[in-house]
Amino acid sequence: MSGLFTAAFLRQIGWECDVYERSGVELVGRGAGITTHPELLAALEASGAGTRDLGIEVEKRIALDRNGRITDERPLRQILTSWDRLQRLLRETIDPAHYHLGWAFERVEQDGHGVRVHFNGGRIENADILVGGDGIRSTVRGQVAPELQPAYAGYYIWRGAPNEADLSPKTLKEIFPYFCFYLPPRQEVITYPISGFNNDLRPGHRRYNFIWYRVADAAKLREMNVDENGHQHEFSVPPPLIRKDLVDEMYADARDIMPDAMLDCVMTMKQPFITPIYDFTAPNIVFGRVAMVGDAAANARPHMGFGVAKAGGDAHALANALRDHDDIDTALKAYNAERQPIGNTIVMHSRKLGTHMGVNLRTEEDRRMHELLQDDGAMMDWIAVPNFLDAYR
């Protein structure tokens, strides 16, 4: 997503830009839900992607107890979209001739006047700049700043997106129309509606995004990262290879603690998968003629749902800096000065929200925030709310 945003904005200022994807196939069909923010909507409009048929608007948030009773609620209109829909909108802004699949970055050389980028298969491209928008495990960042390594936060997510048509009438009535919270001790369950496959917004064809935060230390995560075939993965296991015993254990735990409507969501997910939570900050996001954007520049925990909004903001700022400065190196320094502090602020804010989980509470401020976020209403006031950056300006 970061690369697509960058190409869209650079094209608008008259730059020729090519996007190279590691994957050999189009990155479509992903079901992850995304909370929209004003910054994301503004970036989509400014990039030319637009916001047409973006997602589903909910009118309020509710919190439930173990018996499914509403403990608190907040009026808050938000549009809830999906990774797949955003990717399609941004992909339409890129000329197919400048979008290349199946080319993995290997290394970059710099001479002070440009970059020479090497890809798998011996492909080499020369350019004025290289933008690394390749995510938290960025191979570009791995070369230019190998010391910047994501750190495990001490918890992970079980997630999935059951089909609306598979959910019970009770679930559809009680929670499907809303952004919902359920907060057992040291856990966090968040659910909300998103479009169906191919951005299907018709009633009966949508999906319900399900996110369940759970605590696990590094040793437990390593054990969970052994797949169905006994292979040890370093960071996470691809969804089809998650061990059946882990899924069965998750189902059993859900039966013990979930309200009926949320249990219905768990039991109807076609392929639940695990996302371990990592983050990192960066003292610099520009390295000569290499600029990092999005999660490759600094990666926050997902409590704000702000990752794609950050990517759009980074890409827009980069293009504006290149437009406003005749000298490329001066422009890149200006981009670094603007967006590096913002990226780190976003990460630090996500850590503040992560104190709800009760992991690594090192300071009095951490402990105070943890206590505050044990209240259902406080969680609804802090998690994935718009305009949270205003408090830091």
Protein backbone atom coordinates (compact mmCIF):
# COMPACT_ATOMS: atom_id res chain seq x y z
CA MET A 1 0.00 0.00 0.00
CA SER A 2 2.87 2.39 0.79
CA GLY A 3 4.39 1.91 -2.64
CA LEU A 4 1.11 2.52 -4.40
CA PHE A 5 0.49 5.71 -2.43
CA THR A 6 4.03 6.89 -3.21
CA ALA A 7 3.70 6.21 -6.94
CA ALA A 8 0.34 7.99 -7.08
CA PHE A 9 1.66 11.12 -5.38
CA LEU A 10 4.93 11.20 -7.34
CA ARG A 11 3.05 10.89 -10.61
CA GLN A 12 1.04 13.97 -9.65
CA ILE A 13 4.20 16.10 -9.39
CA GLY A 14 5.47 14.89 -12.76
CA TRP A 15 7.86 12.15 -11.64
CA GLU A 16 8.04 8.80 -13.41
CA CYS A 17 7.78 6.07 -10.80
CA ASP A 18 7.86 2.27 -11.02
CA VAL A 19 6.50 -0.05 -8.33
CA TYR A 20 8.14 -3.43 -7.77
CA GLU A 21 6.31 -6.12 -5.80
CA ARG A 22 7.95 -9.21 -4.33
CA SER A 23 4.79 -11.19 -4.97
CA GLY A 24 4.37 -12.74 -8.39
CA VAL A 25 0.58 -12.26 -8.29
CA GLU A 26 -1.68 -9.29 -7.65
CA LEU A 27 -2.13 -8.65 -3.94
CA VAL A 28 -5.92 -8.92 -3.85
CA GLY A 29 -8.43 -10.91 -1.83
CA ARG A 30 -7.05 -10.00 1.60
CA GLY A 31 -9.81 -9.69 4.16
CA ALA A 32 -8.17 -7.57 6.86
CA GLY A 33 -10.42 -4.79 8.13
CA ILE A 34 -9.19 -1.19 8.34
CA THR A 35 -10.57 1.70 10.37
CA THR A 36 -10.60 4.91 8.38
CA HIS A 37 -9.31 8.22 9.73
CA PRO A 38 -9.59 11.76 8.36
CA GLU A 39 -5.92 11.55 7.34
CA LEU A 40 -6.59 8.42 5.27
CA LEU A 41 -9.63 9.91 3.54
CA ALA A 42 -7.65 13.06 2.72
CA ALA A 43 -4.73 11.04 1.32
CA LEU A 44 -7.01 8.92 -0.85
CA GLU A 45 -8.65 12.01 -2.33
CA ALA A 46 -5.36 13.86 -2.82
CA SER A 47 -3.70 10.85 -4.49
CA GLY A 48 -6.47 10.51 -7.06
CA ALA A 49 -7.61 7.14 -5.73
CA GLY A 50 -10.80 8.63 -4.28
CA THR A 51 -13.12 7.23 -1.64
CA ARG A 52 -15.97 5.82 -3.72
CA ASP A 53 -17.68 2.75 -2.26
CA LEU A 54 -15.03 2.76 0.44
CA GLY A 55 -16.77 0.64 3.03
CA ILE A 56 -19.49 0.41 5.66
CA GLU A 57 -20.39 3.27 7.98
CA VAL A 58 -21.27 2.47 11.59
CA GLU A 59 -23.03 4.99 13.81
CA LYS A 60 -21.82 3.94 17.24
CA ARG A 61 -19.60 1.79 19.42
CA ILE A 62 -20.81 -0.62 22.06
CA ALA A 63 -19.09 -2.65 24.78
CA LEU A 64 -20.41 -6.02 25.97
CA ASP A 65 -20.01 -8.10 29.11
CA ARG A 66 -19.69 -11.90 29.33
CA ASN A 67 -23.48 -12.27 29.09
CA GLY A 68 -23.73 -10.11 26.00
CA ARG A 69 -25.24 -7.13 27.82
CA ILE A 70 -24.23 -3.65 26.68
CA THR A 71 -22.10 -2.05 29.40
CA ASP A 72 -21.46 1.25 27.65
CA GLU A 73 -21.72 2.91 24.25
CA ARG A 74 -20.47 5.90 22.31
CA PRO A 75 -21.93 7.65 19.26
CA LEU A 76 -19.14 7.71 16.68
CA ARG A 77 -19.65 7.54 12.95
CA GLN A 78 -16.78 5.77 11.18
CA ILE A 79 -16.31 4.20 7.77
CA LEU A 80 -14.83 0.72 8.06
CA THR A 81 -13.06 -0.58 4.99
CA SER A 82 -10.74 -3.43 4.02
CA TRP A 83 -7.17 -3.84 2.81
CA ASP A 84 -8.47 -5.27 -0.43
CA ARG A 85 -10.66 -2.26 -1.23
CA LEU A 86 -7.88 0.25 -0.58
CA GLN A 87 -5.43 -1.74 -2.67
CA ARG A 88 -7.83 -1.79 -5.61
CA LEU A 89 -8.48 1.96 -5.43
CA LEU A 90 -4.78 2.78 -5.32
CA ARG A 91 -3.84 0.20 -7.94
CA GLU A 92 -6.13 1.97 -10.42
CA THR A 93 -3.95 5.09 -10.17
CA ILE A 94 -0.89 3.25 -11.53
CA ASP A 95 -0.23 2.61 -15.21
CA PRO A 96 0.18 -1.18 -15.60
CA ALA A 97 3.40 -0.57 -17.50
CA HIS A 98 4.91 0.86 -14.29
CA TYR A 99 3.69 -1.91 -11.96
CA HIS A 100 5.97 -4.95 -11.83
CA LEU A 101 5.22 -8.26 -10.11
CA GLY A 102 7.66 -10.91 -8.98
CA TRP A 103 10.75 -8.73 -8.48
CA ALA A 104 12.31 -9.06 -5.03
CA PHE A 105 14.74 -6.36 -3.89
CA GLU A 106 18.28 -7.61 -3.30
CA ARG A 107 20.49 -4.57 -2.77
CA VAL A 108 20.98 -0.89 -3.60
CA GLU A 109 24.13 1.03 -4.49
CA GLN A 110 24.42 4.80 -4.14
CA ASP A 111 26.88 7.21 -5.76
CA GLY A 112 25.65 10.53 -4.37
CA HIS A 113 23.65 11.32 -7.50
CA GLY A 114 21.23 8.42 -7.63
CA VAL A 115 20.67 4.74 -6.91
CA ARG A 116 21.35 1.47 -8.69
CA VAL A 117 18.81 -1.11 -7.52
CA HIS A 118 19.34 -4.85 -7.91
CA PHE A 119 16.44 -7.30 -8.02
CA ASN A 120 16.26 -11.06 -8.20
CA GLY A 121 17.00 -12.58 -11.60
CA GLY A 122 19.72 -10.04 -12.34
CA ARG A 123 17.40 -7.11 -13.05
CA ILE A 124 19.00 -3.70 -12.40
CA GLU A 125 17.29 -0.30 -12.39
CA ASN A 126 18.87 3.15 -12.12
CA ALA A 127 16.89 5.98 -10.54
CA ASP A 128 17.12 9.30 -8.70
CA ILE A 129 15.75 7.79 -5.48
CA LEU A 130 14.63 4.47 -4.04
CA VAL A 131 11.54 4.44 -1.81
CA GLY A 132 11.26 1.50 0.56
CA GLY A 133 7.58 0.84 1.16
CA ASP A 134 7.96 -2.87 1.84
CA GLY A 135 6.51 -3.12 5.31
CA ILE A 136 7.66 -3.94 8.80
CA ARG A 137 10.12 -6.58 7.56
CA SER A 138 11.51 -4.23 4.91
CA THR A 139 14.42 -5.72 2.98
CA VAL A 140 15.35 -2.21 1.88
CA ARG A 141 15.63 -1.05 5.51
CA GLY A 142 17.48 -4.27 6.27
CA GLN A 143 20.32 -3.08 4.04
CA VAL A 144 20.45 0.62 4.83
CA ALA A 145 19.65 0.36 8.56
CA PRO A 146 20.08 -3.26 9.70
CA GLU A 147 20.17 -2.16 13.34
CA LEU A 148 16.47 -1.19 13.19
CA GLN A 149 14.70 -4.40 14.14
CA PRO A 150 11.03 -4.75 15.17
CA ALA A 151 10.52 -5.84 18.78
CA TYR A 152 7.81 -8.26 19.90
CA ALA A 153 5.22 -6.51 22.09
CA GLY A 154 4.31 -9.55 24.19
CA TYR A 155 0.91 -10.23 22.65
CA TYR A 156 -0.69 -11.38 19.42
CA ILE A 157 -4.02 -11.41 17.59
CA TRP A 158 -6.32 -14.18 16.51
CA ARG A 159 -8.25 -12.75 13.61
CA GLY A 160 -10.67 -13.62 10.85
CA ALA A 161 -13.68 -12.30 8.95
CA PRO A 162 -16.75 -14.58 8.99
CA ASN A 163 -19.32 -14.09 6.24
CA GLU A 164 -22.44 -12.19 7.17
CA ALA A 165 -24.54 -14.97 5.65
CA ASP A 166 -23.04 -17.52 8.08
CA LEU A 167 -23.82 -15.58 11.26
CA SER A 168 -26.90 -16.21 13.39
CA PRO A 169 -29.87 -13.82 13.45
CA LYS A 170 -28.94 -13.00 17.07
CA THR A 171 -25.41 -11.96 16.06
CA LEU A 172 -26.67 -9.94 13.11
CA LYS A 173 -29.09 -8.05 15.34
CA GLU A 174 -26.95 -7.53 18.45
CA ILE A 175 -23.46 -6.73 17.16
CA PHE A 176 -23.13 -6.78 13.36
CA PRO A 177 -24.18 -3.13 12.80
CA TYR A 178 -21.69 -1.77 15.34
CA PHE A 179 -18.06 -1.32 16.26
CA CYS A 180 -17.97 -3.65 19.27
CA PHE A 181 -15.66 -4.17 22.25
CA TYR A 182 -15.42 -7.08 24.66
CA LEU A 183 -12.66 -6.83 27.27
CA PRO A 184 -11.87 -9.89 29.36
CA PRO A 185 -8.84 -9.56 31.68
CA ARG A 186 -5.63 -8.96 29.69
CA GLN A 187 -7.49 -9.52 26.44
CA GLU A 188 -9.22 -7.33 23.91
CA VAL A 189 -11.85 -8.32 21.36
CA ILE A 190 -12.88 -5.84 18.66
CA THR A 191 -15.39 -6.52 15.90
CA TYR A 192 -16.94 -4.51 13.09
CA PRO A 193 -18.54 -4.99 9.64
CA ILE A 194 -16.56 -4.77 6.41
CA SER A 195 -17.40 -5.40 2.77
CA GLY A 196 -17.55 -8.86 1.30
CA PHE A 197 -15.21 -10.20 -1.35
CA ASN A 198 -14.76 -7.90 -4.37
CA ASN A 199 -16.00 -5.02 -2.20
CA ASP A 200 -19.52 -6.43 -2.05
CA LEU A 201 -21.52 -4.02 0.12
CA ARG A 202 -24.91 -5.70 -0.31
CA PRO A 203 -26.65 -6.84 2.89
CA GLY A 204 -26.11 -10.55 3.29
CA HIS A 205 -22.83 -10.48 1.35
CA ARG A 206 -20.61 -8.57 3.76
CA ARG A 207 -18.16 -9.84 6.37
CA TYR A 208 -17.55 -9.17 10.06
CA ASN A 209 -13.98 -8.36 11.06
CA PHE A 210 -12.94 -10.17 14.25
CA ILE A 211 -9.80 -9.26 16.24
CA TRP A 212 -8.84 -10.99 19.51
CA TYR A 213 -5.74 -9.76 21.35
CA ARG A 214 -4.08 -12.27 23.69
CA VAL A 215 -0.91 -12.31 25.77
CA ALA A 216 1.97 -14.68 25.00
CA ASP A 217 5.63 -14.39 25.97
CA ALA A 218 8.43 -14.86 23.46
CA ALA A 219 8.82 -18.56 24.27
CA LYS A 220 5.12 -19.20 23.73
CA LEU A 221 5.18 -17.27 20.44
CA ARG A 222 8.12 -19.35 19.23
CA GLU A 223 6.15 -22.52 19.98
CA MET A 224 3.13 -21.10 18.14
CA ASN A 225 5.37 -20.36 15.16
CA VAL A 226 5.90 -24.06 14.52
CA ASP A 227 3.58 -24.91 11.64
CA GLU A 228 1.45 -27.95 10.80
CA ASN A 229 4.46 -29.60 9.15
CA GLY A 230 6.78 -29.02 12.09
CA HIS A 231 8.67 -26.16 10.44
CA GLN A 232 9.84 -23.34 12.71
CA HIS A 233 8.98 -19.87 11.37
CA GLU A 234 10.83 -16.82 12.61
CA PHE A 235 7.99 -14.30 12.78
CA SER A 236 4.59 -15.83 11.97
CA VAL A 237 2.97 -18.81 10.27
CA PRO A 238 1.06 -18.49 6.97
CA PRO A 239 -2.68 -18.98 7.67
CA PRO A 240 -3.06 -22.33 5.86
CA LEU A 241 -0.21 -23.82 7.91
CA ILE A 242 -1.35 -22.85 11.43
CA ARG A 243 -1.48 -26.00 13.54
CA LYS A 244 -4.87 -27.57 14.16
CA ASP A 245 -4.14 -27.97 17.89
CA LEU A 246 -3.69 -24.19 18.20
CA VAL A 247 -6.98 -23.53 16.42
CA ASP A 248 -8.74 -26.12 18.60
CA GLU A 249 -7.27 -24.53 21.74
CA MET A 250 -8.48 -21.12 20.56
CA TYR A 251 -11.99 -22.49 19.98
CA ALA A 252 -12.03 -24.03 23.47
CA ASP A 253 -10.92 -20.78 25.09
CA ALA A 254 -13.56 -18.86 23.13
CA ARG A 255 -16.29 -21.20 24.41
CA ASP A 256 -15.17 -20.46 27.96
CA ILE A 257 -15.18 -16.66 27.81
CA MET A 258 -17.04 -15.25 24.80
CA PRO A 259 -20.56 -13.77 24.75
CA ASP A 260 -22.82 -15.80 22.47
CA ALA A 261 -22.73 -13.38 19.55
CA MET A 262 -18.93 -13.17 19.54
CA LEU A 263 -18.59 -16.92 19.96
CA ASP A 264 -20.74 -17.26 16.86
CA CYS A 265 -18.21 -15.14 14.99
CA VAL A 266 -15.31 -17.29 16.17
CA MET A 267 -16.96 -20.57 15.24
CA THR A 268 -17.92 -19.40 11.74
CA MET A 269 -14.50 -18.02 10.72
CA LYS A 270 -13.31 -20.06 7.74
CA GLN A 271 -9.59 -19.78 8.44
CA PRO A 272 -8.61 -17.98 11.64
CA PHE A 273 -5.03 -16.77 11.62
CA ILE A 274 -2.46 -15.31 14.00
CA THR A 275 -0.75 -11.92 13.82
CA PRO A 276 2.05 -11.37 16.38
CA ILE A 277 2.38 -7.71 17.37
CA TYR A 278 5.72 -5.97 16.78
CA ASP A 279 6.78 -2.34 16.69
CA PHE A 280 9.84 -0.15 16.22
CA THR A 281 10.84 3.50 16.05
CA ALA A 282 13.55 4.96 13.83
CA PRO A 283 15.96 7.87 14.41
CA ASN A 284 16.06 8.47 10.64
CA ILE A 285 13.86 7.46 7.71
CA VAL A 286 16.15 8.74 4.95
CA PHE A 287 19.53 7.16 4.13
CA GLY A 288 21.22 9.05 1.33
CA ARG A 289 18.94 8.65 -1.68
CA VAL A 290 16.83 5.95 0.00
CA ALA A 291 13.61 7.05 1.72
CA MET A 292 11.39 4.82 3.85
CA VAL A 293 7.60 5.19 3.98
CA GLY A 294 4.76 3.55 5.91
CA ASP A 295 5.49 0.58 8.15
CA ALA A 296 8.99 0.31 6.69
CA ALA A 297 9.81 3.70 8.24
CA ALA A 298 8.28 3.11 11.69
CA ASN A 299 5.76 0.49 12.67
CA ALA A 300 3.09 1.07 15.33
CA ARG A 301 0.94 -1.50 17.08
CA PRO A 302 -2.49 -1.72 15.44
CA HIS A 303 -4.60 -0.25 18.25
CA MET A 304 -5.36 2.92 16.27
CA GLY A 305 -5.92 1.23 12.91
CA PHE A 306 -3.67 3.95 11.49
CA GLY A 307 -1.10 2.06 9.40
CA VAL A 308 -2.51 2.86 5.97
CA ALA A 309 -3.27 6.44 6.99
CA LYS A 310 0.38 6.83 8.01
CA ALA A 311 1.52 5.38 4.69
CA GLY A 312 -0.60 7.90 2.81
CA GLY A 313 0.70 10.76 4.93
CA ASP A 314 4.33 9.71 4.44
CA ALA A 315 3.94 9.38 0.68
CA HIS A 316 2.17 12.73 0.35
CA ALA A 317 4.84 14.49 2.42
CA LEU A 318 7.62 12.92 0.35
CA ALA A 319 6.06 14.11 -2.90
CA ASN A 320 5.46 17.59 -1.49
CA ALA A 321 9.08 17.87 -0.38
CA LEU A 322 10.35 16.84 -3.82
CA ARG A 323 7.96 19.31 -5.44
CA ASP A 324 8.97 22.21 -3.21
CA HIS A 325 12.76 21.80 -3.40
CA ASP A 326 14.91 21.95 -6.54
CA ASP A 327 17.60 19.81 -4.92
CA ILE A 328 16.65 16.17 -4.26
CA ASP A 329 18.93 15.74 -1.25
CA THR A 330 17.51 18.86 0.38
CA ALA A 331 14.02 17.57 -0.30
CA LEU A 332 14.76 14.23 1.32
CA LYS A 333 16.17 15.96 4.39
CA ALA A 334 12.97 18.02 4.61
CA TYR A 335 10.87 14.85 4.34
CA ASN A 336 12.88 13.21 7.12
CA ALA A 337 12.51 16.27 9.35
CA GLU A 338 8.73 16.32 8.87
CA ARG A 339 7.74 12.66 9.02
CA GLN A 340 10.30 10.95 11.26
CA PRO A 341 8.98 12.63 14.43
CA ILE A 342 5.38 11.93 13.45
CA GLY A 343 6.13 8.26 12.85
CA ASN A 344 7.73 7.87 16.25
CA THR A 345 4.84 9.72 17.92
CA ILE A 346 2.39 7.26 16.35
CA VAL A 347 4.44 4.32 17.65
CA MET A 348 4.62 5.77 21.17
CA HIS A 349 0.87 6.40 21.18
CA SER A 350 0.24 2.79 20.14
CA ARG A 351 2.39 1.61 23.05
CA LYS A 352 0.30 3.73 25.39
CA LEU A 353 -2.86 1.98 24.15
CA GLY A 354 -1.13 -1.38 24.40
CA THR A 355 -0.78 -0.97 28.16
CA HIS A 356 -4.35 -2.27 28.37
CA MET A 357 -2.86 -5.76 27.91
CA GLY A 358 -0.79 -5.46 31.09
CA VAL A 359 2.51 -6.43 29.45
CA ASN A 360 5.84 -4.74 30.28
CA LEU A 361 4.41 -1.94 32.40
CA ARG A 362 7.73 -0.25 33.12
CA THR A 363 6.76 3.21 34.35
CA GLU A 364 4.18 4.84 36.57
CA GLU A 365 2.63 6.35 33.45
CA ASP A 366 2.31 2.87 31.94
CA ARG A 367 0.59 1.61 35.07
CA ARG A 368 -1.77 4.60 35.24
CA MET A 369 -2.73 4.13 31.60
CA HIS A 370 -3.25 0.41 32.15
CA GLU A 371 -5.65 1.12 35.02
CA LEU A 372 -7.53 3.72 32.99
CA LEU A 373 -7.99 1.34 30.07
CA GLN A 374 -9.58 -1.35 32.23
CA ASP A 375 -12.79 0.65 31.88
CA ASP A 376 -14.97 -0.18 28.86
CA GLY A 377 -15.83 3.45 28.25
CA ALA A 378 -12.20 4.53 28.34
CA MET A 379 -11.29 1.90 25.74
CA MET A 380 -14.01 3.17 23.44
CA ASP A 381 -12.68 6.70 23.93
CA TRP A 382 -9.07 5.76 23.08
CA ILE A 383 -8.97 2.83 20.66
CA ALA A 384 -9.06 3.59 16.90
CA VAL A 385 -10.53 7.04 17.38
CA PRO A 386 -10.07 9.83 14.82
CA ASN A 387 -7.82 12.86 15.32
CA PHE A 388 -5.70 11.34 18.07
CA LEU A 389 -2.62 13.13 16.72
CA ASP A 390 -4.14 16.49 17.62
CA ALA A 391 -3.05 15.95 21.22
CA TYR A 392 0.61 15.95 20.10
CA ARG A 393 0.53 19.08 17.95
